[in-house]
Amino acid sequence: MNIAAMNLFIKRIGLLCSIAICLSASAQNSSYPNKVGKIIAPYAPGGAVDSLAREIAQAYTNLLGKTFVVENHPGAGGNIGLSVLAKAPNDGYTLGIGAANMLVTNRFLYSSLPFDAAKDFIPVAFIGRVPFVLVVNTSVQADNLKDLIALMKSKSIQFNYGSSGMGNTAHLFGELFKLKAGVSMEHIPFKSSGEAVQEVVAGRVQLQFGTPVELLPQIARGALKAIAVAGSQRLPSLPNVPTLLELGISGFESPTWFGVLAPAGTPSNVVAILNEATQKALAQTGVKSRLEQNGVQVQSMKSEEFQDFINSEVRKWEPIVRASGAHIN
């Protein structure tokens, strides 16, 4: 066999191997899922993100016929969990819950990140929006926003506000509130949103912006006072609590939001299967009702729509974050 014939033979063998690999991958993807999957929750157990992850994991288990479990990787405003997801195999068996701060604002807050939010993930499916609620400890002598701002401006006591860490939406909302209301308070970051709630209940921290899933039980039992909703409309679960916009403070109409992510390179047919499963889950009365009880305003999106939404959020929040001067090394 001459050299030219040998080179042609080698190229044909290579082509056949490539076709075999592609057919094998296609066969594996067509039977997806065929093993246990996991969903990474980038926050500690007990909070809003953990609750969402468990709801979606159970829905996938029911709808797709294979078990999906939740792994918690808290820390650094969600960055640790997303760094784990970015390095995971892109076979559709490791997914994650992404939120507004992780995918949008963190890129402008942190001097460096262990992942590229614009390149390392595929937006699988949108879940919904969650308005924050401004609450205070019951010892604070204010039952409405006007009295709270007056008390803060009097400087008769030092006000602190808690969050689940530097750079998350609750932290940014606190900083924005300081600017909009013209008040002074110190940010106290905790390891989780649940810990922050307990510190406000105990009175060691005076106030907090938090999600309904974390705060409604404490409000219901009288351990916290709800002052205002940081969203575009009142919550059905708190119909008598006005929005900040109603009370004359704008800028809080865009609540935090959540969605399912996959590592970049996850096959498109797998993404389509997961998106369809998510939309079916969100349409189920039981799933939708449980999410809405926790303050989630459910909304379905295709993967491409979710990506367009993230891009629009980046354009909106970049000037706001940069103007706030907030920065995390």
Protein backbone atom coordinates (compact mmCIF):
# COMPACT_ATOMS: atom_id res chain seq x y z
CA MET A 1 0.00 0.00 0.00
CA ASN A 2 1.51 3.33 -1.03
CA ILE A 3 1.61 6.38 1.27
CA ALA A 4 -1.34 8.13 -0.39
CA ALA A 5 -3.52 5.05 -0.07
CA MET A 6 -2.47 4.59 3.55
CA ASN A 7 -3.37 8.21 4.41
CA LEU A 8 -6.77 7.77 2.77
CA PHE A 9 -7.32 4.55 4.72
CA ILE A 10 -6.43 6.29 8.01
CA LYS A 11 -8.80 9.20 7.28
CA ARG A 12 -11.64 6.77 6.53
CA ILE A 13 -11.01 4.86 9.77
CA GLY A 14 -11.04 8.18 11.67
CA LEU A 15 -14.32 9.18 10.02
CA LEU A 16 -15.92 5.85 10.89
CA CYS A 17 -14.78 6.18 14.51
CA SER A 18 -16.24 9.71 14.70
CA ILE A 19 -19.56 8.48 13.31
CA ALA A 20 -19.61 5.62 15.83
CA ILE A 21 -18.96 8.00 18.72
CA CYS A 22 -21.71 10.36 17.56
CA LEU A 23 -24.17 7.48 17.15
CA SER A 24 -23.28 6.20 20.62
CA ALA A 25 -23.76 9.64 22.18
CA SER A 26 -27.05 10.06 20.31
CA ALA A 27 -28.27 6.70 21.58
CA GLN A 28 -27.34 7.62 25.14
CA ASN A 29 -29.07 11.00 24.88
CA SER A 30 -32.21 9.46 23.36
CA SER A 31 -32.64 7.30 26.47
CA TYR A 32 -32.14 10.24 28.84
CA PRO A 33 -32.42 9.97 31.76
CA ASN A 34 -31.13 6.49 32.52
CA LYS A 35 -29.43 7.09 35.87
CA VAL A 36 -29.72 9.21 39.02
CA GLY A 37 -29.34 12.95 38.50
CA LYS A 38 -28.62 15.77 40.92
CA ILE A 39 -29.53 19.41 41.28
CA ILE A 40 -27.04 21.74 42.95
CA ALA A 41 -28.55 24.28 45.35
CA PRO A 42 -25.94 27.05 45.82
CA TYR A 43 -27.31 27.96 49.25
CA ALA A 44 -27.69 26.17 52.58
CA PRO A 45 -30.66 23.90 53.39
CA GLY A 46 -33.84 25.60 54.55
CA GLY A 47 -33.80 28.69 52.35
CA ALA A 48 -35.66 29.70 49.22
CA VAL A 49 -33.15 28.24 46.76
CA ASP A 50 -32.98 24.93 48.61
CA SER A 51 -36.80 24.73 48.67
CA LEU A 52 -37.01 25.40 44.93
CA ALA A 53 -34.32 22.84 44.17
CA ARG A 54 -36.17 20.15 46.12
CA GLU A 55 -39.47 20.97 44.43
CA ILE A 56 -37.90 20.72 40.97
CA ALA A 57 -35.93 17.57 41.88
CA GLN A 58 -39.12 15.84 42.99
CA ALA A 59 -40.94 16.97 39.85
CA TYR A 60 -38.17 15.61 37.61
CA THR A 61 -38.22 12.34 39.56
CA ASN A 62 -41.96 12.02 39.01
CA LEU A 63 -42.03 13.13 35.38
CA LEU A 64 -38.83 11.58 34.02
CA GLY A 65 -38.88 8.31 35.93
CA LYS A 66 -35.39 8.59 37.42
CA THR A 67 -34.43 9.94 40.84
CA PHE A 68 -33.03 13.47 41.09
CA VAL A 69 -31.42 14.48 44.39
CA VAL A 70 -30.34 17.84 45.79
CA GLU A 71 -26.78 18.73 46.76
CA ASN A 72 -26.18 21.91 48.77
CA HIS A 73 -22.99 23.86 48.04
CA PRO A 74 -23.46 27.18 49.89
CA GLY A 75 -21.14 30.15 50.10
CA ALA A 76 -19.91 33.32 48.38
CA GLY A 77 -23.31 34.51 47.22
CA GLY A 78 -23.94 31.33 45.23
CA ASN A 79 -20.53 31.38 43.53
CA ILE A 80 -19.30 28.15 45.15
CA GLY A 81 -22.31 26.17 43.96
CA LEU A 82 -22.10 27.53 40.44
CA SER A 83 -18.36 26.82 40.27
CA VAL A 84 -19.18 23.17 41.06
CA LEU A 85 -21.82 23.16 38.32
CA ALA A 86 -19.48 24.76 35.78
CA LYS A 87 -16.96 21.93 36.26
CA ALA A 88 -19.54 19.12 36.18
CA PRO A 89 -19.96 16.73 33.23
CA ASN A 90 -22.27 18.20 30.59
CA ASP A 91 -24.37 15.06 30.26
CA GLY A 92 -27.58 16.39 31.84
CA TYR A 93 -27.15 14.55 35.13
CA THR A 94 -25.78 17.52 37.07
CA LEU A 95 -28.00 20.60 37.05
CA GLY A 96 -28.23 23.65 39.28
CA ILE A 97 -30.54 26.40 40.47
CA GLY A 98 -29.39 29.82 39.34
CA ALA A 99 -30.63 33.14 40.68
CA ALA A 100 -30.45 36.76 39.60
CA ASN A 101 -27.39 37.60 41.69
CA MET A 102 -25.41 34.53 40.58
CA LEU A 103 -25.99 35.02 36.86
CA VAL A 104 -26.19 38.81 36.65
CA THR A 105 -24.97 41.04 39.47
CA ASN A 106 -22.10 38.92 40.82
CA ARG A 107 -20.13 39.49 37.62
CA PHE A 108 -20.06 43.22 38.44
CA LEU A 109 -19.49 42.83 42.18
CA TYR A 110 -16.61 40.36 42.39
CA SER A 111 -13.10 41.17 41.22
CA SER A 112 -12.78 37.57 40.04
CA LEU A 113 -15.10 34.58 39.72
CA PRO A 114 -14.32 30.85 39.36
CA PHE A 115 -16.62 30.67 36.32
CA ASP A 116 -17.88 32.75 33.42
CA ALA A 117 -21.61 33.29 33.88
CA ALA A 118 -21.99 34.19 30.20
CA LYS A 119 -20.22 31.10 28.82
CA ASP A 120 -20.20 28.25 31.35
CA PHE A 121 -23.94 27.54 31.61
CA ILE A 122 -26.99 26.81 29.49
CA PRO A 123 -30.26 28.31 30.82
CA VAL A 124 -32.55 25.26 30.89
CA ALA A 125 -35.83 26.65 32.22
CA PHE A 126 -37.13 29.67 34.07
CA ILE A 127 -39.05 28.98 37.29
CA GLY A 128 -40.34 32.32 38.48
CA ARG A 129 -39.84 35.61 40.29
CA VAL A 130 -39.78 36.12 44.05
CA PRO A 131 -40.48 39.58 45.51
CA PHE A 132 -38.57 40.33 48.70
CA VAL A 133 -40.25 41.45 51.92
CA LEU A 134 -38.78 44.09 54.24
CA VAL A 135 -39.19 42.93 57.85
CA VAL A 136 -38.09 44.25 61.23
CA ASN A 137 -37.70 42.76 64.67
CA THR A 138 -40.78 43.19 66.87
CA SER A 139 -38.84 45.41 69.30
CA VAL A 140 -38.40 48.07 66.60
CA GLN A 141 -40.84 50.86 67.42
CA ALA A 142 -42.24 51.20 63.90
CA ASP A 143 -45.18 49.49 62.23
CA ASN A 144 -44.95 51.17 58.84
CA LEU A 145 -42.31 52.51 56.46
CA LYS A 146 -42.77 56.18 57.37
CA ASP A 147 -42.18 55.50 61.06
CA LEU A 148 -39.28 53.17 60.32
CA ILE A 149 -37.43 55.76 58.22
CA ALA A 150 -38.07 58.45 60.84
CA LEU A 151 -36.69 56.17 63.56
CA MET A 152 -33.61 55.33 61.48
CA LYS A 153 -32.95 59.00 60.76
CA SER A 154 -33.25 59.86 64.45
CA LYS A 155 -30.17 57.67 65.05
CA SER A 156 -31.51 56.79 68.48
CA ILE A 157 -30.39 53.21 67.84
CA GLN A 158 -27.85 51.60 65.52
CA PHE A 159 -29.60 49.74 62.71
CA ASN A 160 -28.10 46.62 61.17
CA TYR A 161 -29.53 44.55 58.35
CA GLY A 162 -28.81 40.90 57.63
CA SER A 163 -28.40 38.84 54.48
CA SER A 164 -27.07 35.44 53.44
CA GLY A 165 -23.77 36.90 52.29
CA MET A 166 -21.95 39.63 50.45
CA GLY A 167 -23.25 40.42 46.99
CA ASN A 168 -26.61 38.64 47.07
CA THR A 169 -29.86 40.36 46.15
CA ALA A 170 -30.80 40.98 49.79
CA HIS A 171 -27.48 42.76 50.31
CA LEU A 172 -27.97 44.93 47.21
CA PHE A 173 -31.56 45.72 48.17
CA GLY A 174 -30.30 46.87 51.58
CA GLU A 175 -27.74 49.16 49.96
CA LEU A 176 -30.35 50.48 47.52
CA PHE A 177 -32.75 51.13 50.42
CA LYS A 178 -30.08 53.17 52.19
CA LEU A 179 -29.69 55.36 49.11
CA LYS A 180 -33.40 55.72 48.33
CA ALA A 181 -34.54 56.33 51.93
CA GLY A 182 -31.53 58.41 52.94
CA VAL A 183 -30.78 56.29 56.01
CA SER A 184 -27.72 54.67 57.54
CA MET A 185 -27.39 51.01 58.54
CA GLU A 186 -24.66 48.39 58.59
CA HIS A 187 -24.71 45.18 56.57
CA ILE A 188 -24.21 41.96 58.57
CA PRO A 189 -23.58 38.96 56.27
CA PHE A 190 -24.39 35.45 57.49
CA LYS A 191 -23.69 31.97 56.14
CA SER A 192 -27.30 31.43 55.11
CA SER A 193 -30.57 33.30 54.78
CA GLY A 194 -32.05 31.08 57.50
CA GLU A 195 -29.36 32.20 59.93
CA ALA A 196 -30.01 35.84 59.03
CA VAL A 197 -33.74 35.39 59.74
CA GLN A 198 -33.02 33.91 63.16
CA GLU A 199 -30.75 36.81 64.03
CA VAL A 200 -33.49 39.30 63.16
CA VAL A 201 -36.02 37.29 65.18
CA ALA A 202 -33.60 37.30 68.14
CA GLY A 203 -33.15 41.07 67.85
CA ARG A 204 -29.41 41.02 67.29
CA VAL A 205 -30.13 42.41 63.81
CA GLN A 206 -32.93 44.93 63.31
CA LEU A 207 -34.14 44.32 59.77
CA GLN A 208 -33.80 42.24 56.62
CA PHE A 209 -34.92 41.90 53.02
CA GLY A 210 -35.88 38.25 52.58
CA THR A 211 -37.99 35.90 50.52
CA PRO A 212 -41.52 34.93 51.57
CA VAL A 213 -40.57 31.26 52.02
CA GLU A 214 -38.16 32.31 54.78
CA LEU A 215 -40.21 35.05 56.38
CA LEU A 216 -43.91 34.15 56.16
CA PRO A 217 -43.81 31.58 59.02
CA GLN A 218 -42.10 34.11 61.29
CA ILE A 219 -44.53 36.87 60.28
CA ALA A 220 -47.51 34.57 60.86
CA ARG A 221 -46.45 33.73 64.40
CA GLY A 222 -45.72 37.36 65.24
CA ALA A 223 -41.94 37.02 65.48
CA LEU A 224 -41.33 39.59 62.73
CA LYS A 225 -43.19 42.64 61.43
CA ALA A 226 -43.67 43.02 57.68
CA ILE A 227 -43.15 46.63 56.61
CA ALA A 228 -43.25 46.52 52.80
CA VAL A 229 -42.98 44.28 49.75
CA ALA A 230 -40.03 44.94 47.44
CA GLY A 231 -41.79 44.03 44.21
CA SER A 232 -44.15 45.32 41.56
CA GLN A 233 -47.31 44.10 43.29
CA ARG A 234 -48.60 43.01 46.69
CA LEU A 235 -48.31 39.40 47.72
CA PRO A 236 -51.54 37.36 48.01
CA SER A 237 -50.13 35.94 51.25
CA LEU A 238 -49.62 39.49 52.63
CA PRO A 239 -52.51 41.46 51.10
CA ASN A 240 -52.35 44.26 53.68
CA VAL A 241 -48.63 44.93 53.25
CA PRO A 242 -47.99 47.68 50.65
CA THR A 243 -45.18 47.71 48.11
CA LEU A 244 -42.29 50.14 48.44
CA LEU A 245 -43.47 51.72 45.18
CA GLU A 246 -46.88 52.43 46.71
CA LEU A 247 -45.06 54.11 49.58
CA GLY A 248 -43.04 56.36 47.29
CA ILE A 249 -39.76 54.44 46.96
CA SER A 250 -39.02 53.19 43.45
CA GLY A 251 -36.31 50.92 42.14
CA PHE A 252 -37.43 47.70 43.83
CA GLU A 253 -39.88 46.57 41.16
CA SER A 254 -37.55 43.87 39.82
CA PRO A 255 -37.55 41.03 42.34
CA THR A 256 -35.11 38.18 42.38
CA TRP A 257 -35.73 35.24 40.07
CA PHE A 258 -34.69 31.62 39.71
CA GLY A 259 -34.15 29.07 36.98
CA VAL A 260 -32.60 25.70 36.17
CA LEU A 261 -29.09 25.65 34.65
CA ALA A 262 -26.91 23.02 33.01
CA PRO A 263 -23.17 23.06 32.24
CA ALA A 264 -22.26 24.47 28.83
CA GLY A 265 -22.19 21.80 26.15
CA THR A 266 -25.14 19.84 27.50
CA PRO A 267 -26.85 18.27 24.45
CA SER A 268 -29.73 20.32 23.07
CA ASN A 269 -32.14 17.38 23.13
CA VAL A 270 -31.45 16.86 26.84
CA VAL A 271 -32.05 20.55 27.49
CA ALA A 272 -35.33 20.28 25.59
CA ILE A 273 -36.42 17.28 27.68
CA LEU A 274 -35.63 19.13 30.91
CA ASN A 275 -37.34 22.32 29.75
CA GLU A 276 -40.49 20.39 28.85
CA ALA A 277 -40.43 18.61 32.22
CA THR A 278 -40.05 21.94 34.04
CA GLN A 279 -42.94 23.52 32.17
CA LYS A 280 -45.13 20.49 32.88
CA ALA A 281 -44.19 20.66 36.57
CA LEU A 282 -44.98 24.39 36.81
CA ALA A 283 -48.38 23.75 35.21
CA GLN A 284 -49.31 21.14 37.81
CA THR A 285 -51.74 22.51 40.38
CA GLY A 286 -49.87 21.06 43.35
CA VAL A 287 -46.42 22.28 42.31
CA LYS A 288 -47.66 25.72 41.29
CA SER A 289 -49.67 26.10 44.49
CA ARG A 290 -46.72 25.17 46.73
CA LEU A 291 -44.44 27.59 44.93
CA GLU A 292 -46.99 30.40 45.08
CA GLN A 293 -47.51 29.79 48.80
CA ASN A 294 -43.80 30.47 49.19
CA GLY A 295 -44.09 33.74 47.28
CA VAL A 296 -42.93 32.53 43.86
CA GLN A 297 -44.65 34.18 40.91
CA VAL A 298 -44.45 31.19 38.54
CA GLN A 299 -43.53 31.84 34.92
CA SER A 300 -42.51 29.42 32.16
CA MET A 301 -39.91 30.19 29.49
CA LYS A 302 -38.20 28.24 26.74
CA SER A 303 -34.43 27.91 27.06
CA GLU A 304 -33.84 30.60 24.43
CA GLU A 305 -36.30 32.97 26.11
CA PHE A 306 -34.55 32.45 29.43
CA GLN A 307 -31.21 33.37 27.81
CA ASP A 308 -32.70 36.54 26.30
CA PHE A 309 -34.13 37.43 29.71
CA ILE A 310 -30.72 37.03 31.39
CA ASN A 311 -29.15 39.28 28.74
CA SER A 312 -31.76 41.97 29.41
CA GLU A 313 -31.16 41.71 33.18
CA VAL A 314 -27.42 42.19 32.63
CA ARG A 315 -28.07 45.38 30.67
CA LYS A 316 -30.42 46.66 33.39
CA TRP A 317 -28.37 45.84 36.50
CA GLU A 318 -24.84 46.67 35.37
CA PRO A 319 -25.24 50.48 35.68
CA ILE A 320 -27.14 50.09 38.98
CA VAL A 321 -24.47 47.93 40.60
CA ARG A 322 -21.64 50.10 39.34
CA ALA A 323 -23.40 53.25 40.57
CA SER A 324 -23.85 51.70 44.03
CA GLY A 325 -20.08 51.36 44.41
CA ALA A 326 -20.50 47.88 45.93
CA HIS A 327 -17.46 45.67 45.35
CA ILE A 328 -16.24 42.37 46.73
CA ASN A 329 -12.63 41.21 46.52
